[in-house]
């Protein structure tokens, strides 16, 4: 179909940085394949197929051992594509689902058996039409033991999100640091507000992810090699080393205008986590605590 979009690099470079053994790409997605897993009628974008075979080939090419597959908004609350990818991973993937708040306890238990370990609440108005906080809190209270909530929002609504985040009864993971304006630098208003959120609860985690999204030229940023991102995020990783995880965000949903090399994205890791100790926490210890605690 001519209106389907491709947002990922066709031949990413081999990164110069070599991840430690057991490294986890803790934020990535799969799209379709559409013939088997149709996209939601409410989807705001229609991507080309990017199935598990492509994802796992990229995992191996970049030097990672495991994936955490996050349900993409284009698939709505039908998690079949994500569950299928986990099943095909040979135990090397876990997942985060998007669910209808009225989901039954039996359905949640089935998702747990399928490898899901959290649910995602999306507050980006350009991607979702409705985000009912009261119903989200109700389903958060019914999650299987050991699950967490992932939240995706932008920095301009952080203040209004605070009471909702405070009320979530399980650990919270913030996607892409709540999308701060990294051009403000590490002491900018957005990053300071995000630090205040992290300080409000000891079980709020974050993903130090998406230099290609947060430092994109069309957003007023630098573009590759994303120097604004490196400068703004490295101090955050250093100050909260036990609550940060990392991922490629492949296949970079809705980034078709500024397609980035995944090898370059991996090479951001030592710029935001310059020591072996920080890299081990970012890529192995922390994501394993969230997604494979039984293997620690």
Protein backbone atom coordinates (compact mmCIF):
# COMPACT_ATOMS: atom_id res chain seq x y z
CA UNK A 1 0.00 0.00 0.00
CA UNK A 2 1.39 3.38 -1.00
CA UNK A 3 0.18 5.05 2.20
CA UNK A 4 2.12 2.74 4.52
CA UNK A 5 5.21 4.29 6.05
CA UNK A 6 8.74 3.06 6.80
CA UNK A 7 10.46 4.68 9.77
CA UNK A 8 13.57 2.53 10.25
CA UNK A 9 16.99 2.34 8.63
CA UNK A 10 17.27 -0.37 5.97
CA UNK A 11 20.89 -1.27 6.83
CA UNK A 12 21.99 0.06 10.23
CA UNK A 13 25.72 0.23 10.88
CA UNK A 14 27.53 -1.97 13.36
CA UNK A 15 27.95 0.16 16.49
CA UNK A 16 31.42 0.91 17.76
CA UNK A 17 30.14 0.32 21.29
CA UNK A 18 29.89 -3.33 22.38
CA UNK A 19 27.15 -3.91 25.00
CA UNK A 20 27.95 -6.10 28.00
CA UNK A 21 26.89 -9.77 27.94
CA UNK A 22 23.18 -10.14 28.61
CA UNK A 23 22.31 -6.59 27.50
CA UNK A 24 18.59 -5.84 27.08
CA UNK A 25 17.00 -3.60 24.47
CA UNK A 26 14.19 -2.66 26.85
CA UNK A 27 12.06 -0.53 24.52
CA UNK A 28 11.22 -1.71 21.01
CA UNK A 29 8.12 -2.61 19.02
CA UNK A 30 6.80 -4.84 16.27
CA UNK A 31 4.43 -3.84 13.46
CA UNK A 32 2.24 -6.66 12.17
CA UNK A 33 2.80 -8.36 9.83
CA UNK A 34 -0.48 -6.77 8.83
CA UNK A 35 -1.79 -9.82 6.97
CA UNK A 36 -1.66 -11.79 10.21
CA UNK A 37 -2.09 -9.02 12.80
CA UNK A 38 -4.18 -6.17 11.37
CA UNK A 39 -3.65 -2.67 12.69
CA UNK A 40 -6.28 -0.95 14.81
CA UNK A 41 -9.05 0.93 13.03
CA UNK A 42 -8.13 3.84 15.33
CA UNK A 43 -4.44 3.82 14.39
CA UNK A 44 -3.02 7.28 13.67
CA UNK A 45 -0.34 5.87 11.36
CA UNK A 46 -0.06 2.82 9.09
CA UNK A 47 3.45 1.37 9.07
CA UNK A 48 5.06 -1.18 6.83
CA UNK A 49 5.51 -4.61 8.40
CA UNK A 50 8.34 -4.83 10.95
CA UNK A 51 7.90 -8.25 12.50
CA UNK A 52 9.88 -10.34 14.98
CA UNK A 53 12.32 -11.72 12.43
CA UNK A 54 13.56 -8.22 11.62
CA UNK A 55 13.64 -7.26 15.31
CA UNK A 56 15.67 -10.29 16.38
CA UNK A 57 18.09 -9.88 13.46
CA UNK A 58 18.65 -6.29 14.60
CA UNK A 59 19.10 -7.45 18.21
CA UNK A 60 21.90 -9.77 17.16
CA UNK A 61 23.47 -7.22 14.80
CA UNK A 62 23.63 -4.59 17.54
CA UNK A 63 25.04 -7.02 20.12
CA UNK A 64 22.07 -7.41 22.49
CA UNK A 65 20.79 -10.55 24.17
CA UNK A 66 17.15 -9.76 24.97
CA UNK A 67 14.24 -7.51 24.01
CA UNK A 68 11.34 -5.91 25.84
CA UNK A 69 8.63 -5.44 23.22
CA UNK A 70 6.24 -2.60 23.96
CA UNK A 71 2.80 -2.68 22.36
CA UNK A 72 2.69 -0.01 19.66
CA UNK A 73 -0.30 2.33 19.47
CA UNK A 74 -1.04 1.27 15.89
CA UNK A 75 -2.15 -2.13 17.23
CA UNK A 76 -4.50 -0.65 19.82
CA UNK A 77 -5.44 -3.02 22.64
CA UNK A 78 -5.02 -6.20 20.56
CA UNK A 79 -1.68 -7.48 21.84
CA UNK A 80 -1.54 -10.49 19.51
CA UNK A 81 1.44 -9.22 17.47
CA UNK A 82 3.46 -8.47 20.61
CA UNK A 83 2.59 -11.83 22.19
CA UNK A 84 3.46 -13.63 18.94
CA UNK A 85 6.87 -11.95 18.86
CA UNK A 86 7.56 -12.93 22.47
CA UNK A 87 6.58 -16.53 21.69
CA UNK A 88 9.01 -16.59 18.76
CA UNK A 89 11.91 -15.19 20.82
CA UNK A 90 12.93 -18.45 22.48
CA UNK A 91 12.65 -16.87 25.93
CA UNK A 92 14.68 -13.81 24.93
CA UNK A 93 11.78 -11.34 25.00
CA UNK A 94 9.21 -10.05 27.45
CA UNK A 95 6.58 -7.42 26.81
CA UNK A 96 4.44 -4.47 27.83
CA UNK A 97 0.78 -4.54 26.78
CA UNK A 98 -1.88 -1.95 26.09
CA UNK A 99 -5.19 -3.10 27.49
CA UNK A 100 -8.80 -2.05 27.70
CA UNK A 101 -9.33 -0.95 31.32
CA UNK A 102 -12.21 -3.42 31.53
CA UNK A 103 -9.94 -6.39 30.80
CA UNK A 104 -10.74 -9.42 32.95
CA UNK A 105 -8.40 -10.87 35.56
CA UNK A 106 -8.28 -14.08 33.50
CA UNK A 107 -7.11 -12.14 30.46
CA UNK A 108 -4.42 -10.42 32.52
CA UNK A 109 -3.27 -13.81 33.79
CA UNK A 110 -3.09 -15.09 30.22
CA UNK A 111 -0.94 -12.11 29.24
CA UNK A 112 1.37 -12.88 32.16
CA UNK A 113 1.75 -16.45 30.96
CA UNK A 114 2.55 -15.06 27.50
CA UNK A 115 5.43 -12.98 28.88
CA UNK A 116 3.82 -9.60 29.50
CA UNK A 117 5.11 -7.81 32.61
CA UNK A 118 3.48 -4.38 32.45
CA UNK A 119 0.83 -2.22 30.83
CA UNK A 120 1.27 1.08 29.04
CA UNK A 121 -0.82 4.24 29.38
CA UNK A 122 -0.40 6.65 26.44
CA UNK A 123 -1.27 10.32 26.89
CA UNK A 124 -0.07 11.62 23.53
CA UNK A 125 -3.17 13.16 21.99
CA UNK A 126 -1.85 12.71 18.46
CA UNK A 127 -1.70 8.95 19.03
CA UNK A 128 -4.73 8.15 21.21
CA UNK A 129 -8.22 9.60 21.41
CA UNK A 130 -9.04 8.81 25.03
CA UNK A 131 -6.97 8.34 28.20
CA UNK A 132 -9.34 7.85 31.16
CA UNK A 133 -7.20 8.26 34.28
CA UNK A 134 -9.83 6.88 36.66
CA UNK A 135 -10.20 3.64 34.69
CA UNK A 136 -6.43 3.37 34.29
CA UNK A 137 -6.04 3.47 38.07
CA UNK A 138 -8.66 0.75 38.47
CA UNK A 139 -6.88 -1.65 36.14
CA UNK A 140 -3.50 -0.78 37.67
CA UNK A 141 -4.84 -2.05 40.98
CA UNK A 142 -5.62 -5.45 39.44
CA UNK A 143 -2.30 -6.23 37.77
CA UNK A 144 -0.57 -9.56 38.36
CA UNK A 145 2.17 -9.56 40.99
CA UNK A 146 5.43 -8.05 39.82
CA UNK A 147 3.94 -5.96 37.01
CA UNK A 148 4.47 -2.23 36.53
CA UNK A 149 2.86 0.63 34.61
CA UNK A 150 4.59 2.38 31.72
CA UNK A 151 3.46 5.95 31.00
CA UNK A 152 4.04 7.95 27.83
CA UNK A 153 3.45 11.70 27.96
CA UNK A 154 5.09 14.95 26.92
CA UNK A 155 6.75 17.48 29.20
CA UNK A 156 4.04 20.11 28.81
CA UNK A 157 1.54 18.00 30.79
CA UNK A 158 3.89 16.76 33.52
CA UNK A 159 2.34 18.96 36.21
CA UNK A 160 -1.19 17.74 35.52
CA UNK A 161 0.08 14.14 35.49
CA UNK A 162 1.56 14.29 38.99
CA UNK A 163 -1.58 13.36 41.02
CA UNK A 164 -2.32 10.48 38.65
CA UNK A 165 1.22 9.12 38.83
CA UNK A 166 1.22 9.44 42.63
CA UNK A 167 -1.95 7.31 42.80
CA UNK A 168 -0.64 4.38 40.74
CA UNK A 169 -0.28 1.44 43.17
CA UNK A 170 2.61 -0.33 41.38
CA UNK A 171 6.04 0.77 40.15
CA UNK A 172 6.01 3.28 37.29
CA UNK A 173 8.29 3.52 34.25
CA UNK A 174 8.31 6.79 32.29
CA UNK A 175 8.84 6.45 28.55
CA UNK A 176 11.56 8.68 27.08
CA UNK A 177 11.83 10.74 30.32
CA UNK A 178 8.50 12.38 29.58
CA UNK A 179 9.95 13.91 26.40
CA UNK A 180 11.86 16.87 27.87
CA UNK A 181 13.24 19.64 25.69
CA UNK A 182 16.88 18.52 25.76
CA UNK A 183 18.01 21.73 24.10
CA UNK A 184 17.45 23.38 27.51
CA UNK A 185 20.38 21.38 28.88
CA UNK A 186 20.65 19.33 32.08
CA UNK A 187 19.55 22.22 34.29
CA UNK A 188 16.65 23.26 32.07
CA UNK A 189 13.11 23.56 33.35
CA UNK A 190 11.93 20.32 31.77
CA UNK A 191 14.72 18.22 33.22
CA UNK A 192 14.41 19.83 36.65
CA UNK A 193 10.67 19.11 36.66
CA UNK A 194 11.36 15.51 35.71
CA UNK A 195 13.90 15.16 38.51
CA UNK A 196 11.27 16.43 40.94
CA UNK A 197 8.94 13.69 39.72
CA UNK A 198 11.62 11.03 40.24
CA UNK A 199 12.23 12.36 43.74
CA UNK A 200 8.53 12.09 44.60
CA UNK A 201 8.60 8.26 44.59
CA UNK A 202 11.44 5.80 44.90
CA UNK A 203 9.77 3.36 42.49
CA UNK A 204 9.56 5.64 39.46
CA UNK A 205 11.89 4.43 36.73
CA UNK A 206 12.65 6.00 33.36
CA UNK A 207 13.92 5.16 29.91
CA UNK A 208 16.96 7.17 28.79
CA UNK A 209 15.86 6.71 25.21
CA UNK A 210 15.16 8.35 21.87
CA UNK A 211 17.97 10.77 21.06
CA UNK A 212 16.70 10.62 17.47
CA UNK A 213 13.27 11.77 18.65
CA UNK A 214 14.15 14.28 21.37
CA UNK A 215 17.12 15.87 19.56
CA UNK A 216 15.73 15.75 16.03
CA UNK A 217 16.45 18.66 13.70
CA UNK A 218 12.76 19.20 13.02
CA UNK A 219 12.24 19.62 16.77
CA UNK A 220 14.91 22.30 16.92
CA UNK A 221 17.60 19.86 17.99
CA UNK A 222 21.01 18.92 16.62
CA UNK A 223 20.19 15.71 14.81
CA UNK A 224 22.73 12.87 14.68
CA UNK A 225 25.02 12.71 16.74
CA UNK A 226 22.47 14.25 19.14
CA UNK A 227 24.84 16.26 21.32
CA UNK A 228 22.01 18.03 23.17
CA UNK A 229 20.61 14.68 24.25
CA UNK A 230 23.97 13.44 25.52
CA UNK A 231 24.58 16.61 27.54
CA UNK A 232 21.10 16.69 29.09
CA UNK A 233 20.68 12.98 29.86
CA UNK A 234 24.10 11.87 31.15
CA UNK A 235 23.70 13.68 34.51
CA UNK A 236 20.26 12.11 34.96
CA UNK A 237 21.62 8.60 34.41
CA UNK A 238 24.48 9.30 36.82
CA UNK A 239 22.14 10.54 39.56
CA UNK A 240 19.48 7.80 39.24
CA UNK A 241 21.58 4.77 38.19
CA UNK A 242 19.31 2.13 39.73
CA UNK A 243 16.08 3.32 38.08
CA UNK A 244 17.03 3.75 34.44
CA UNK A 245 16.72 1.42 31.45
CA UNK A 246 17.46 1.83 27.75
CA UNK A 247 16.08 0.77 24.39
CA UNK A 248 16.40 1.42 20.67
CA UNK A 249 12.72 2.36 20.09
CA UNK A 250 12.99 0.34 16.86
CA UNK A 251 11.22 0.59 14.41
CA UNK A 252 10.97 4.24 15.49
CA UNK A 253 7.22 4.82 15.09
CA UNK A 254 6.32 7.90 13.06
CA UNK A 255 9.97 8.90 12.50
CA UNK A 256 9.83 8.51 8.71
CA UNK A 257 10.96 12.11 8.11
CA UNK A 258 14.26 11.67 9.96
CA UNK A 259 15.31 8.04 9.67
CA UNK A 260 18.18 7.24 12.04
CA UNK A 261 20.94 4.65 12.04
CA UNK A 262 20.41 2.23 14.93
CA UNK A 263 24.15 1.67 15.20
CA UNK A 264 24.55 5.37 15.98
CA UNK A 265 21.74 5.15 18.55
CA UNK A 266 23.62 2.35 20.34
CA UNK A 267 26.77 4.46 20.27
CA UNK A 268 24.94 7.00 22.46
CA UNK A 269 25.09 4.54 25.38
CA UNK A 270 28.67 5.29 26.55
CA UNK A 271 27.97 9.01 26.18
CA UNK A 272 25.13 8.87 28.73
CA UNK A 273 26.57 6.01 30.83
CA UNK A 274 30.34 6.44 30.57
CA UNK A 275 31.46 3.80 33.09
CA UNK A 276 31.25 0.02 32.91
CA UNK A 277 29.28 0.04 36.17
CA UNK A 278 26.64 2.43 34.79
CA UNK A 279 26.40 0.48 31.54
CA UNK A 280 25.88 -2.78 33.43
CA UNK A 281 23.03 -1.26 35.42
CA UNK A 282 21.45 0.47 32.43
CA UNK A 283 21.54 -2.52 30.11
CA UNK A 284 21.54 -5.63 32.31
CA UNK A 285 20.86 -5.30 36.04
CA UNK A 286 17.96 -2.84 35.90
CA UNK A 287 15.95 -4.31 33.00
CA UNK A 288 16.46 -7.82 34.38
CA UNK A 289 15.03 -6.67 37.74
CA UNK A 290 11.90 -5.44 35.97
CA UNK A 291 11.37 -8.14 33.36
CA UNK A 292 13.29 -11.30 34.37
CA UNK A 293 13.62 -11.07 38.17
CA UNK A 294 13.51 -14.86 38.44
CA UNK A 295 16.84 -15.06 36.61
CA UNK A 296 18.74 -12.76 38.96
